[in-house]
N, C-alpha and C. Protein backbone atom coordinates (compact mmCIF):
# COMPACT_ATOMS: atom_id res chain seq x y z
N MET A 1 -116.57 3.72 203.53
CA MET A 1 -115.94 5.15 203.41
C MET A 1 -116.47 6.06 204.02
N LYS A 2 -115.47 6.81 205.16
CA LYS A 2 -116.05 7.84 205.20
C LYS A 2 -116.74 9.15 204.50
N HIS A 3 -117.26 9.87 204.75
CA HIS A 3 -117.70 10.84 203.89
C HIS A 3 -116.76 11.94 203.91
N ALA A 4 -116.14 12.12 202.65
CA ALA A 4 -114.90 13.38 202.58
C ALA A 4 -115.56 14.91 201.63
N TRP A 5 -116.17 15.12 202.45
CA TRP A 5 -117.05 16.31 201.62
C TRP A 5 -116.78 17.73 202.06
N GLY A 6 -116.73 18.67 201.47
CA GLY A 6 -117.00 20.02 201.79
C GLY A 6 -115.76 20.82 201.50
N PRO A 7 -114.72 21.83 201.11
CA PRO A 7 -114.17 22.72 200.45
C PRO A 7 -113.60 21.72 199.74
N LEU A 8 -112.81 20.64 199.91
CA LEU A 8 -111.88 20.05 199.09
C LEU A 8 -112.34 19.67 198.40
N THR A 9 -114.09 19.18 197.86
CA THR A 9 -114.80 18.60 197.12
C THR A 9 -115.37 19.64 195.88
N GLU A 10 -115.18 20.41 196.53
CA GLU A 10 -116.70 21.63 196.09
C GLU A 10 -116.11 21.63 194.40
N SER A 11 -117.10 21.36 193.56
CA SER A 11 -117.13 21.41 191.81
C SER A 11 -115.69 20.05 191.36
N LEU A 12 -115.97 18.99 191.97
CA LEU A 12 -115.08 18.31 192.10
C LEU A 12 -116.03 16.62 191.74
N ASP A 13 -116.26 16.26 190.63
CA ASP A 13 -116.60 14.62 190.80
C ASP A 13 -116.55 13.94 191.22
N VAL A 14 -116.85 13.70 192.83
CA VAL A 14 -116.57 13.11 193.12
C VAL A 14 -117.13 11.33 193.56
N PRO A 15 -117.08 10.26 192.87
CA PRO A 15 -117.77 9.00 193.02
C PRO A 15 -118.44 8.65 194.23
N ARG A 16 -119.79 8.16 194.58
CA ARG A 16 -120.54 7.98 195.63
C ARG A 16 -118.97 6.70 196.38
N ASP A 17 -118.84 6.13 195.43
CA ASP A 17 -117.65 5.09 196.30
C ASP A 17 -116.51 5.01 195.82
N LEU A 18 -116.07 6.21 196.24
CA LEU A 18 -114.49 6.80 196.34
C LEU A 18 -113.95 6.19 197.50
N ASP A 19 -112.85 5.19 197.03
CA ASP A 19 -112.26 4.65 197.90
C ASP A 19 -111.12 4.80 198.38
N LEU A 20 -111.21 6.25 199.39
CA LEU A 20 -109.73 6.85 200.23
C LEU A 20 -108.72 6.08 201.02
N GLY A 21 -109.13 4.87 200.98
CA GLY A 21 -108.69 3.33 201.62
C GLY A 21 -107.38 2.58 200.44
N ASN A 22 -107.50 2.71 199.95
CA ASN A 22 -106.44 2.17 198.46
C ASN A 22 -107.20 3.66 197.35
N ARG A 23 -105.57 4.49 197.57
CA ARG A 23 -104.55 4.97 196.67
C ARG A 23 -104.87 5.36 195.67
N ALA A 24 -104.68 4.45 194.62
CA ALA A 24 -104.30 4.34 193.56
C ALA A 24 -105.36 4.29 193.09
N ARG A 25 -106.15 3.70 193.50
CA ARG A 25 -107.51 3.71 192.92
C ARG A 25 -108.46 4.94 193.10
N ALA A 26 -108.28 5.48 194.53
CA ALA A 26 -109.04 6.93 194.50
C ALA A 26 -108.37 7.59 193.71
N LEU A 27 -106.92 7.41 193.14
CA LEU A 27 -106.23 8.88 192.07
C LEU A 27 -106.98 8.39 190.78
N LYS A 28 -107.21 7.21 190.25
CA LYS A 28 -108.52 6.50 189.33
C LYS A 28 -109.78 6.96 189.44
N GLN A 29 -110.49 6.87 190.66
CA GLN A 29 -111.67 7.02 190.25
C GLN A 29 -111.94 8.69 190.64
N LEU A 30 -110.75 9.39 190.79
CA LEU A 30 -111.26 11.25 190.85
C LEU A 30 -110.59 11.36 189.32
N LYS A 31 -110.07 10.24 188.63
CA LYS A 31 -109.13 10.47 187.23
C LYS A 31 -107.83 11.37 187.02
N VAL A 32 -107.31 11.66 188.23
CA VAL A 32 -106.48 12.19 188.06
C VAL A 32 -104.69 12.00 188.27
N ARG A 33 -104.35 12.77 186.58
CA ARG A 33 -103.20 12.11 186.01
C ARG A 33 -102.09 12.18 186.40
N LEU A 34 -101.59 10.86 186.31
CA LEU A 34 -100.22 10.44 187.20
C LEU A 34 -99.02 12.16 186.80
N ALA A 35 -99.07 12.60 185.81
CA ALA A 35 -98.21 13.83 185.87
C ALA A 35 -98.63 14.94 186.74
N ALA A 36 -99.96 15.23 186.74
CA ALA A 36 -100.71 16.08 187.95
C ALA A 36 -100.02 15.67 189.29
N HIS A 37 -100.41 14.18 189.73
CA HIS A 37 -100.03 13.95 191.07
C HIS A 37 -98.87 14.18 191.09
N SER A 38 -97.59 13.70 190.14
CA SER A 38 -96.22 14.15 190.69
C SER A 38 -95.80 15.68 190.81
N GLN A 39 -96.24 16.21 189.80
CA GLN A 39 -96.14 17.86 189.88
C GLN A 39 -97.04 18.06 191.23
N MET A 40 -97.29 17.63 191.85
CA MET A 40 -98.68 18.25 192.90
C MET A 40 -96.97 17.96 194.18
N VAL A 41 -97.02 16.32 194.66
CA VAL A 41 -96.00 16.25 195.01
C VAL A 41 -94.76 16.79 194.87
N SER A 42 -94.03 16.96 194.13
CA SER A 42 -93.35 17.75 193.68
C SER A 42 -93.10 19.03 194.69
N MET A 43 -94.53 20.03 194.45
CA MET A 43 -94.94 21.59 194.90
C MET A 43 -94.33 21.06 196.29
N ILE A 44 -95.19 20.18 196.95
CA ILE A 44 -95.60 19.83 198.00
C ILE A 44 -94.03 19.87 198.68
N ARG A 45 -92.94 19.18 198.15
CA ARG A 45 -91.70 18.86 199.16
C ARG A 45 -90.78 20.14 198.41
N GLU A 46 -90.87 21.02 197.96
CA GLU A 46 -90.40 22.04 197.83
C GLU A 46 -90.52 22.94 198.82
N VAL A 47 -91.42 23.12 199.48
CA VAL A 47 -91.93 23.30 200.64
C VAL A 47 -92.21 23.24 201.48
N LEU A 48 -92.37 22.39 202.24
CA LEU A 48 -92.74 21.87 203.44
C LEU A 48 -91.18 20.70 203.95
N PRO A 49 -90.96 21.00 205.20
CA PRO A 49 -89.92 19.81 205.64
C PRO A 49 -90.82 18.34 205.17
N GLU A 50 -89.39 17.82 205.27
CA GLU A 50 -90.00 16.30 205.16
C GLU A 50 -91.16 15.57 205.48
N ARG A 51 -91.08 15.57 206.92
CA ARG A 51 -91.71 14.84 207.93
C ARG A 51 -93.56 15.65 207.60
N GLU A 52 -93.66 16.91 207.32
CA GLU A 52 -95.25 17.31 207.18
C GLU A 52 -94.91 17.11 205.86
N GLU A 53 -94.59 17.10 204.86
CA GLU A 53 -94.28 16.69 203.02
C GLU A 53 -95.24 15.26 203.16
N GLY A 54 -94.73 14.51 203.99
CA GLY A 54 -95.33 13.34 204.16
C GLY A 54 -96.53 12.65 204.55
N LEU A 55 -96.64 13.44 205.53
CA LEU A 55 -98.37 13.79 206.33
C LEU A 55 -99.23 14.20 205.48
N LEU A 56 -98.84 14.79 204.98
CA LEU A 56 -99.97 15.60 203.57
C LEU A 56 -99.83 14.79 202.84
N THR A 57 -99.12 14.46 201.74
CA THR A 57 -98.98 13.48 200.65
C THR A 57 -99.58 12.04 200.96
N GLY A 58 -99.47 11.73 202.39
CA GLY A 58 -99.25 10.53 202.52
C GLY A 58 -100.79 10.06 203.45
N SER A 59 -101.60 11.45 203.36
CA SER A 59 -102.92 11.28 204.18
C SER A 59 -104.30 10.65 203.11
N ARG A 60 -105.17 10.24 203.97
CA ARG A 60 -106.41 9.54 203.85
C ARG A 60 -106.50 10.74 202.23
N GLN A 61 -106.43 11.88 202.97
CA GLN A 61 -107.13 12.78 201.52
C GLN A 61 -106.27 13.50 200.48
N GLY A 62 -104.95 12.82 200.53
CA GLY A 62 -104.28 12.97 199.38
C GLY A 62 -104.68 13.30 197.99
N PRO A 63 -105.84 11.78 197.95
CA PRO A 63 -105.89 11.93 196.56
C PRO A 63 -107.36 12.80 195.99
N LEU A 64 -108.15 13.41 196.95
CA LEU A 64 -109.18 15.14 197.05
C LEU A 64 -107.92 16.39 196.35
N LEU A 65 -107.23 16.15 197.13
CA LEU A 65 -105.94 17.23 197.06
C LEU A 65 -105.60 16.65 195.61
N ALA A 66 -104.79 16.32 195.07
CA ALA A 66 -104.26 15.67 193.86
C ALA A 66 -105.74 16.47 193.02
N ALA A 67 -106.44 15.93 193.25
CA ALA A 67 -107.91 16.56 192.19
C ALA A 67 -107.58 17.95 191.72
N ARG A 68 -107.80 18.30 193.39
CA ARG A 68 -108.45 19.83 193.58
C ARG A 68 -107.00 20.74 193.24
N LYS A 69 -105.86 20.35 193.15
CA LYS A 69 -104.68 21.14 192.42
C LYS A 69 -104.84 20.74 190.34
N GLN A 70 -105.17 19.12 190.05
CA GLN A 70 -105.01 18.95 188.88
C GLN A 70 -106.46 20.02 188.42
N ARG A 71 -107.74 20.23 188.81
CA ARG A 71 -108.52 21.27 188.77
C ARG A 71 -107.92 22.45 188.49
N VAL A 72 -107.68 23.17 189.41
CA VAL A 72 -107.03 24.20 189.80
C VAL A 72 -106.22 24.60 188.44
N GLY A 73 -105.46 23.62 188.08
CA GLY A 73 -104.20 23.54 186.63
C GLY A 73 -104.90 23.87 185.57
N GLU A 74 -105.96 23.47 185.66
CA GLU A 74 -106.67 23.16 184.18
C GLU A 74 -107.71 23.93 183.90
N SER A 75 -107.84 25.00 185.25
CA SER A 75 -108.59 26.34 184.61
C SER A 75 -107.58 27.77 185.08
N GLY A 76 -106.67 27.13 184.81
CA GLY A 76 -105.67 28.08 184.35
C GLY A 76 -105.45 29.49 186.03
N GLY A 77 -105.64 28.53 186.97
CA GLY A 77 -105.30 28.99 188.35
C GLY A 77 -103.57 29.07 188.69
N THR A 78 -103.25 29.80 190.00
CA THR A 78 -102.34 29.84 190.16
C THR A 78 -101.74 28.87 191.11
N HIS A 79 -100.89 28.76 191.42
CA HIS A 79 -100.11 28.06 192.82
C HIS A 79 -98.92 28.41 193.29
N THR A 80 -99.77 29.27 194.53
CA THR A 80 -98.24 30.13 195.48
C THR A 80 -98.43 29.88 196.13
N VAL A 81 -97.08 29.81 197.11
CA VAL A 81 -97.59 29.45 198.58
C VAL A 81 -97.09 31.63 199.11
N THR A 82 -97.55 31.53 199.90
CA THR A 82 -96.86 32.96 200.95
C THR A 82 -96.86 33.16 202.16
């Protein structure tokens, strides 16, 4: 795995053996709940054109984005698009 460190992973519990090449495994490793992942994908679909939505949700870093979104939601953060 290539290292995926930076702002997207701050305050996340990222396992050393995170497998971003296997989306289902990465989501499980990051302890992303299915409901949180589905909500993130729905939000992205609402605001982005289909092509960009597919690129974002299908990217290798998609599981990290889902983990970040779940963490923000748990901390009572808001998700606004400006």
